[in-house]
């Protein structure tokens, strides 16, 4: 199954603060916060949620269609994505704005303070999915990840109009969306992705209980950081899959995106939820040990070893079809 990944494409400016944010916050002064953090390191990396997920899917041989908006400064970034199996035929290039920027400071506890400049992403709402996903090589799933809010709503509506299964991943944009918008993005999703905080925020925004959310989505996947992932379906007990133990922590940026790439790659091969979640956790551990969300190379044999080490002998066997070395016939270079 081919996957179209819609959402942000950005350049990441990643900084490291040698301390703990909480030690700098005075409880009686939180209404008047004015802080500047002197950082030790700056890394400029390629990122954006949709591009991160597409990068991982491409590395696993799925030739995903990337859909988003960028500036004219995207040329080198696009070449790298194509080299890693990503089809950029759905990318709109703005004539006026630069590619989005993500600026993030990480402290010693892996907490993060970030800001995001949308730039060309504000033009993503002009992208018409119907012109991209109706050909002979049309995707079987569209992932609607953080993007310009109007684009997220339009892409979801296009999926419903076309009868295309879609996955809802509102994540960072939950802070910008109101209740009716969140309900519109979630209702009818085959997959819903959140982290634990976003799960609580989603319930607060929609006014729905956990049971009510599960009544309108197929499967709810909630990442739990170093505790792994929880997968829920109506009428079934939650499936809890632990994270890879003792994974090296270098930079948490893009870890959730890597999980989604590994999980969806396995699902696209028709695999059950547990091995799919294990592959997601294994790929997430690789990204956790690297600086930046696209500074790794997918190593199928290495991922298989990680799955076996983390989940026991034979755990990688169901993933054999996903972890086969990608062939040139499976790549799309458009």
Protein backbone atom coordinates (compact mmCIF):
# COMPACT_ATOMS: atom_id res chain seq x y z
CA UNK A 1 0.00 0.00 0.00
CA UNK A 2 1.32 3.39 -1.01
CA UNK A 3 0.98 6.28 1.45
CA UNK A 4 0.58 10.00 0.80
CA UNK A 5 2.05 12.09 3.62
CA UNK A 6 0.66 15.61 3.92
CA UNK A 7 2.03 18.20 6.33
CA UNK A 8 4.96 20.41 7.20
CA UNK A 9 8.32 20.49 5.43
CA UNK A 10 10.85 22.58 7.33
CA UNK A 11 14.42 23.33 8.27
CA UNK A 12 15.22 22.57 11.93
CA UNK A 13 17.46 24.79 14.06
CA UNK A 14 18.28 22.59 17.05
CA UNK A 15 19.98 23.99 20.14
CA UNK A 16 21.11 22.37 23.40
CA UNK A 17 20.87 24.06 26.81
CA UNK A 18 23.26 22.58 29.42
CA UNK A 19 20.80 22.62 32.30
CA UNK A 20 17.15 22.11 33.19
CA UNK A 21 14.40 24.50 32.14
CA UNK A 22 12.50 23.89 35.36
CA UNK A 23 15.45 25.20 37.40
CA UNK A 24 15.12 28.56 35.62
CA UNK A 25 11.38 28.97 36.22
CA UNK A 26 10.25 30.82 39.35
CA UNK A 27 6.75 29.65 40.36
CA UNK A 28 5.69 33.11 41.58
CA UNK A 29 6.87 34.79 38.35
CA UNK A 30 5.27 32.58 35.70
CA UNK A 31 2.94 35.40 34.67
CA UNK A 32 5.99 37.49 33.69
CA UNK A 33 8.41 35.05 32.07
CA UNK A 34 11.32 36.67 30.24
CA UNK A 35 14.19 34.26 29.73
CA UNK A 36 17.15 33.87 27.40
CA UNK A 37 19.01 30.55 27.32
CA UNK A 38 22.71 30.52 26.44
CA UNK A 39 23.07 27.35 24.37
CA UNK A 40 26.15 25.24 23.77
CA UNK A 41 25.40 23.83 20.35
CA UNK A 42 23.45 24.65 17.19
CA UNK A 43 22.62 22.08 14.54
CA UNK A 44 20.79 23.05 11.34
CA UNK A 45 18.95 20.03 9.98
CA UNK A 46 16.23 19.13 7.53
CA UNK A 47 12.87 18.40 9.12
CA UNK A 48 9.13 19.02 9.16
CA UNK A 49 6.70 16.33 10.29
CA UNK A 50 5.58 15.21 6.83
CA UNK A 51 9.10 15.19 5.43
CA UNK A 52 10.40 13.27 8.46
CA UNK A 53 7.73 10.58 8.12
CA UNK A 54 8.17 10.37 4.35
CA UNK A 55 11.95 10.05 4.81
CA UNK A 56 11.47 7.04 7.08
CA UNK A 57 8.89 5.44 4.80
CA UNK A 58 11.16 5.98 1.81
CA UNK A 59 14.06 4.35 3.62
CA UNK A 60 11.85 1.32 4.21
CA UNK A 61 11.08 1.07 0.48
CA UNK A 62 7.53 2.45 0.38
CA UNK A 63 8.02 5.34 -2.12
CA UNK A 64 5.66 7.70 -0.24
CA UNK A 65 4.11 10.73 -1.93
CA UNK A 66 5.07 13.88 -0.02
CA UNK A 67 2.45 16.65 -0.09
CA UNK A 68 3.28 20.09 1.30
CA UNK A 69 4.45 23.62 0.49
CA UNK A 70 8.05 24.90 0.40
CA UNK A 71 10.09 27.88 -0.79
CA UNK A 72 12.59 28.17 -3.61
CA UNK A 73 15.29 27.25 -1.08
CA UNK A 74 14.06 23.63 -1.18
CA UNK A 75 16.27 22.41 -4.05
CA UNK A 76 19.01 20.60 -2.09
CA UNK A 77 16.52 19.28 0.44
CA UNK A 78 14.38 17.85 -2.37
CA UNK A 79 17.35 16.04 -3.89
CA UNK A 80 18.12 14.35 -0.59
CA UNK A 81 14.51 13.24 -0.15
CA UNK A 82 14.45 11.80 -3.67
CA UNK A 83 17.68 9.94 -2.96
CA UNK A 84 15.87 8.31 -0.03
CA UNK A 85 12.91 7.10 -2.05
CA UNK A 86 10.47 9.98 -1.52
CA UNK A 87 8.20 11.09 -4.37
CA UNK A 88 8.10 14.92 -4.23
CA UNK A 89 5.50 15.25 -6.97
CA UNK A 90 2.99 16.64 -4.47
CA UNK A 91 5.17 19.49 -3.24
CA UNK A 92 4.08 23.06 -4.04
CA UNK A 93 6.89 25.63 -4.41
CA UNK A 94 6.06 29.16 -3.26
CA UNK A 95 7.41 32.07 -5.29
CA UNK A 96 7.23 34.44 -2.32
CA UNK A 97 8.01 32.64 0.94
CA UNK A 98 10.85 30.54 2.30
CA UNK A 99 10.51 26.99 3.56
CA UNK A 100 9.21 26.79 7.12
CA UNK A 101 11.63 26.98 10.07
CA UNK A 102 11.49 24.99 13.32
CA UNK A 103 13.59 26.44 16.18
CA UNK A 104 14.01 24.27 19.26
CA UNK A 105 16.02 24.25 22.51
CA UNK A 106 16.45 20.95 24.37
CA UNK A 107 17.54 20.74 28.01
CA UNK A 108 19.33 18.00 29.96
CA UNK A 109 16.00 16.27 30.73
CA UNK A 110 15.11 16.14 27.00
CA UNK A 111 12.41 18.78 27.56
CA UNK A 112 11.98 21.13 24.64
CA UNK A 113 10.92 24.74 24.03
CA UNK A 114 10.22 25.43 20.37
CA UNK A 115 8.82 27.92 17.92
CA UNK A 116 7.74 27.45 14.32
CA UNK A 117 7.74 29.90 11.41
CA UNK A 118 5.21 28.71 8.85
CA UNK A 119 6.57 30.52 5.78
CA UNK A 120 5.55 28.74 2.58
CA UNK A 121 3.45 26.29 4.60
CA UNK A 122 0.68 28.92 4.67
CA UNK A 123 0.12 28.16 0.98
CA UNK A 124 -0.45 24.43 1.53
CA UNK A 125 -4.22 24.96 1.60
CA UNK A 126 -4.06 25.59 -2.16
CA UNK A 127 -2.96 22.00 -2.83
CA UNK A 128 -5.81 19.93 -4.26
CA UNK A 129 -5.39 16.28 -3.30
CA UNK A 130 -7.82 15.24 -6.01
CA UNK A 131 -5.23 16.10 -8.67
CA UNK A 132 -2.54 14.02 -6.93
CA UNK A 133 -4.15 10.82 -5.68
CA UNK A 134 -6.53 9.72 -8.42
CA UNK A 135 -4.07 8.25 -10.93
CA UNK A 136 -3.17 4.58 -11.44
CA UNK A 137 -0.55 4.78 -8.66
CA UNK A 138 -2.94 6.33 -6.15
CA UNK A 139 -2.24 5.85 -2.43
CA UNK A 140 -4.25 3.56 -0.21
CA UNK A 141 -3.86 5.88 2.78
CA UNK A 142 -3.40 9.62 3.29
CA UNK A 143 -1.72 10.81 6.47
CA UNK A 144 -2.89 14.29 7.50
CA UNK A 145 -0.12 15.56 9.78
CA UNK A 146 0.59 19.05 11.24
CA UNK A 147 0.34 21.70 8.55
CA UNK A 148 -1.40 24.96 7.83
CA UNK A 149 -4.76 24.38 9.61
CA UNK A 150 -6.77 25.22 6.50
CA UNK A 151 -4.72 22.66 4.56
CA UNK A 152 -5.34 19.97 7.17
CA UNK A 153 -9.09 20.57 7.01
CA UNK A 154 -9.08 20.63 3.20
CA UNK A 155 -7.05 17.42 2.89
CA UNK A 156 -9.37 15.64 5.32
CA UNK A 157 -12.41 16.82 3.37
CA UNK A 158 -10.80 15.71 0.09
CA UNK A 159 -10.18 12.23 1.54
CA UNK A 160 -13.82 11.91 2.56
CA UNK A 161 -15.00 13.11 -0.87
CA UNK A 162 -12.70 10.62 -2.63
CA UNK A 163 -13.47 7.76 -0.26
CA UNK A 164 -9.76 7.51 0.64
CA UNK A 165 -8.82 6.12 4.07
CA UNK A 166 -6.95 8.72 6.10
CA UNK A 167 -4.89 8.92 9.27
CA UNK A 168 -5.30 11.93 11.58
CA UNK A 169 -2.14 13.26 13.23
CA UNK A 170 -3.01 16.76 14.47
CA UNK A 171 -0.30 16.75 17.19
CA UNK A 172 1.40 20.17 17.46
CA UNK A 173 -1.48 21.97 15.76
CA UNK A 174 -3.95 21.01 18.49
CA UNK A 175 -2.95 24.25 20.24
CA UNK A 176 -4.19 26.25 17.22
CA UNK A 177 -7.37 24.32 16.44
CA UNK A 178 -10.76 24.78 18.08
CA UNK A 179 -13.15 22.00 19.10
CA UNK A 180 -15.19 21.76 15.87
CA UNK A 181 -12.00 21.73 13.78
CA UNK A 182 -10.43 18.92 15.84
CA UNK A 183 -13.64 16.90 15.67
CA UNK A 184 -13.68 17.37 11.89
CA UNK A 185 -10.07 16.21 11.53
CA UNK A 186 -10.58 13.12 13.70
CA UNK A 187 -14.04 11.89 12.75
CA UNK A 188 -13.81 8.85 10.48
CA UNK A 189 -10.04 8.47 10.64
CA UNK A 190 -8.73 4.96 10.09
CA UNK A 191 -5.81 5.82 12.39
CA UNK A 192 -5.46 8.53 15.02
CA UNK A 193 -1.95 9.39 16.26
CA UNK A 194 -1.19 11.40 19.41
CA UNK A 195 1.31 11.45 22.23
CA UNK A 196 0.02 11.23 25.81
CA UNK A 197 -0.26 14.99 26.35
CA UNK A 198 -1.91 15.46 22.96
CA UNK A 199 -4.40 12.72 23.81
CA UNK A 200 -5.54 14.68 26.86
CA UNK A 201 -5.60 17.94 24.87
CA UNK A 202 -7.61 16.30 22.09
CA UNK A 203 -10.25 15.17 24.59
CA UNK A 204 -10.35 18.66 26.10
CA UNK A 205 -10.69 20.32 22.67
CA UNK A 206 -13.37 17.97 21.36
CA UNK A 207 -15.28 17.53 24.61
CA UNK A 208 -15.23 13.80 23.89
CA UNK A 209 -14.37 11.05 26.33
CA UNK A 210 -11.93 8.28 25.46
CA UNK A 211 -14.90 6.04 24.58
CA UNK A 212 -16.39 8.71 22.34
CA UNK A 213 -13.09 9.22 20.51
CA UNK A 214 -12.80 5.48 19.91
CA UNK A 215 -16.34 5.45 18.54
CA UNK A 216 -15.35 7.72 15.63
CA UNK A 217 -11.87 6.38 14.75
CA UNK A 218 -10.66 2.97 13.69
CA UNK A 219 -7.56 2.73 15.87
CA UNK A 220 -6.03 5.23 18.33
CA UNK A 221 -2.24 5.05 18.63
CA UNK A 222 -0.73 6.98 21.56
CA UNK A 223 3.04 7.21 21.98
CA UNK A 224 4.21 7.25 25.61
CA UNK A 225 7.85 8.32 25.36
CA UNK A 226 10.16 5.88 27.10
CA UNK A 227 7.13 3.81 28.11
CA UNK A 228 6.44 2.79 24.51
CA UNK A 229 3.02 2.98 22.88
CA UNK A 230 -0.63 2.27 23.66
CA UNK A 231 -2.98 1.11 20.88
CA UNK A 232 -6.74 1.19 21.44
CA UNK A 233 -9.81 -0.01 19.57
CA UNK A 234 -13.46 -0.06 20.56
CA UNK A 235 -14.40 -3.25 22.37
CA UNK A 236 -10.82 -4.47 22.74
CA UNK A 237 -8.37 -4.18 25.64
CA UNK A 238 -5.53 -1.69 25.04
CA UNK A 239 -2.38 -3.12 23.48
CA UNK A 240 0.75 -1.86 25.28
CA UNK A 241 4.09 -2.24 23.52
CA UNK A 242 7.19 -1.15 25.48
CA UNK A 243 9.85 1.09 24.02
CA UNK A 244 13.27 -0.28 23.12
CA UNK A 245 15.05 -0.44 26.50
CA UNK A 246 18.27 1.47 27.21
CA UNK A 247 18.13 3.38 23.92
CA UNK A 248 20.78 6.07 23.67
CA UNK A 249 19.27 9.54 24.02
CA UNK A 250 21.00 12.20 21.93
CA UNK A 251 18.15 14.31 20.51
CA UNK A 252 14.39 13.61 20.80
CA UNK A 253 13.49 15.69 17.74
CA UNK A 254 11.57 13.60 15.20
CA UNK A 255 11.27 10.48 17.36
CA UNK A 256 7.48 10.41 17.11
CA UNK A 257 7.70 10.89 13.34
CA UNK A 258 10.05 7.92 13.08
CA UNK A 259 7.63 5.79 15.09
CA UNK A 260 4.83 6.67 12.66
CA UNK A 261 7.03 5.79 9.67
CA UNK A 262 7.97 2.38 11.06
CA UNK A 263 4.44 1.61 12.23
CA UNK A 264 2.77 2.64 8.98
CA UNK A 265 5.37 0.81 6.89
CA UNK A 266 4.47 -2.42 8.71
CA UNK A 267 0.74 -1.73 8.48
CA UNK A 268 1.07 -1.10 4.74
CA UNK A 269 2.39 -4.67 4.45
CA UNK A 270 -0.70 -5.97 6.25
CA UNK A 271 1.11 -6.83 9.47
CA UNK A 272 -0.61 -7.06 12.89
CA UNK A 273 -0.51 -4.18 15.35
CA UNK A 274 2.08 -5.57 17.76
CA UNK A 275 4.92 -6.17 15.28
CA UNK A 276 4.02 -2.88 13.59
CA UNK A 277 4.41 -1.03 16.90
CA UNK A 278 7.67 -2.84 17.61
CA UNK A 279 9.11 -1.69 14.29
CA UNK A 280 7.93 1.84 15.05
CA UNK A 281 9.67 1.76 18.43
CA UNK A 282 12.86 0.35 16.88
CA UNK A 283 13.04 3.10 14.24
CA UNK A 284 12.25 5.70 16.91
CA UNK A 285 15.22 4.47 18.97
CA UNK A 286 17.51 5.00 15.97
CA UNK A 287 16.38 8.61 15.60
CA UNK A 288 16.65 9.18 19.37
CA UNK A 289 20.34 8.34 19.10
CA UNK A 290 21.02 10.83 16.29
CA UNK A 291 21.06 14.63 16.05
CA UNK A 292 18.22 15.72 13.79
CA UNK A 293 15.24 13.86 12.45
CA UNK A 294 16.72 12.84 9.07
CA UNK A 295 20.39 12.30 9.88
CA UNK A 296 20.11 8.50 9.96
CA UNK A 297 20.11 5.79 7.32
CA UNK A 298 17.59 2.96 7.46
CA UNK A 299 19.46 -0.27 8.17
CA UNK A 300 17.00 -3.18 7.83
CA UNK A 301 19.38 -5.72 9.36
CA UNK A 302 20.13 -3.37 12.25
CA UNK A 303 16.42 -2.77 12.86
CA UNK A 304 15.82 -6.53 12.91
CA UNK A 305 18.56 -6.95 15.51
CA UNK A 306 17.08 -4.16 17.61
CA UNK A 307 13.63 -5.76 17.51
CA UNK A 308 15.08 -9.15 18.51
CA UNK A 309 17.10 -7.64 21.35
CA UNK A 310 14.17 -5.61 22.67
CA UNK A 311 11.30 -8.05 22.22
CA UNK A 312 12.85 -11.49 22.17
CA UNK A 313 14.03 -14.18 19.74
CA UNK A 314 11.76 -14.46 16.73
CA UNK A 315 10.22 -11.01 17.22
CA UNK A 316 11.64 -9.76 13.91
CA UNK A 317 10.31 -12.70 11.92
CA UNK A 318 6.88 -11.13 11.16
CA UNK A 319 8.70 -8.04 9.88
CA UNK A 320 10.69 -9.86 7.20
CA UNK A 321 8.65 -8.38 4.33
CA UNK A 322 9.22 -4.82 5.60
CA UNK A 323 12.88 -5.24 6.45
CA UNK A 324 13.87 -6.76 3.14
CA UNK A 325 16.48 -4.58 1.44
CA UNK A 326 14.61 -2.02 -0.77
CA UNK A 327 15.04 -2.73 -4.47
CA UNK A 328 15.45 -0.11 -7.17
CA UNK A 329 12.14 -1.23 -8.69
CA UNK A 330 10.37 -0.01 -5.55
CA UNK A 331 11.77 3.52 -5.69
CA UNK A 332 10.02 6.52 -7.24
CA UNK A 333 12.19 9.41 -8.43
CA UNK A 334 9.95 12.09 -9.77
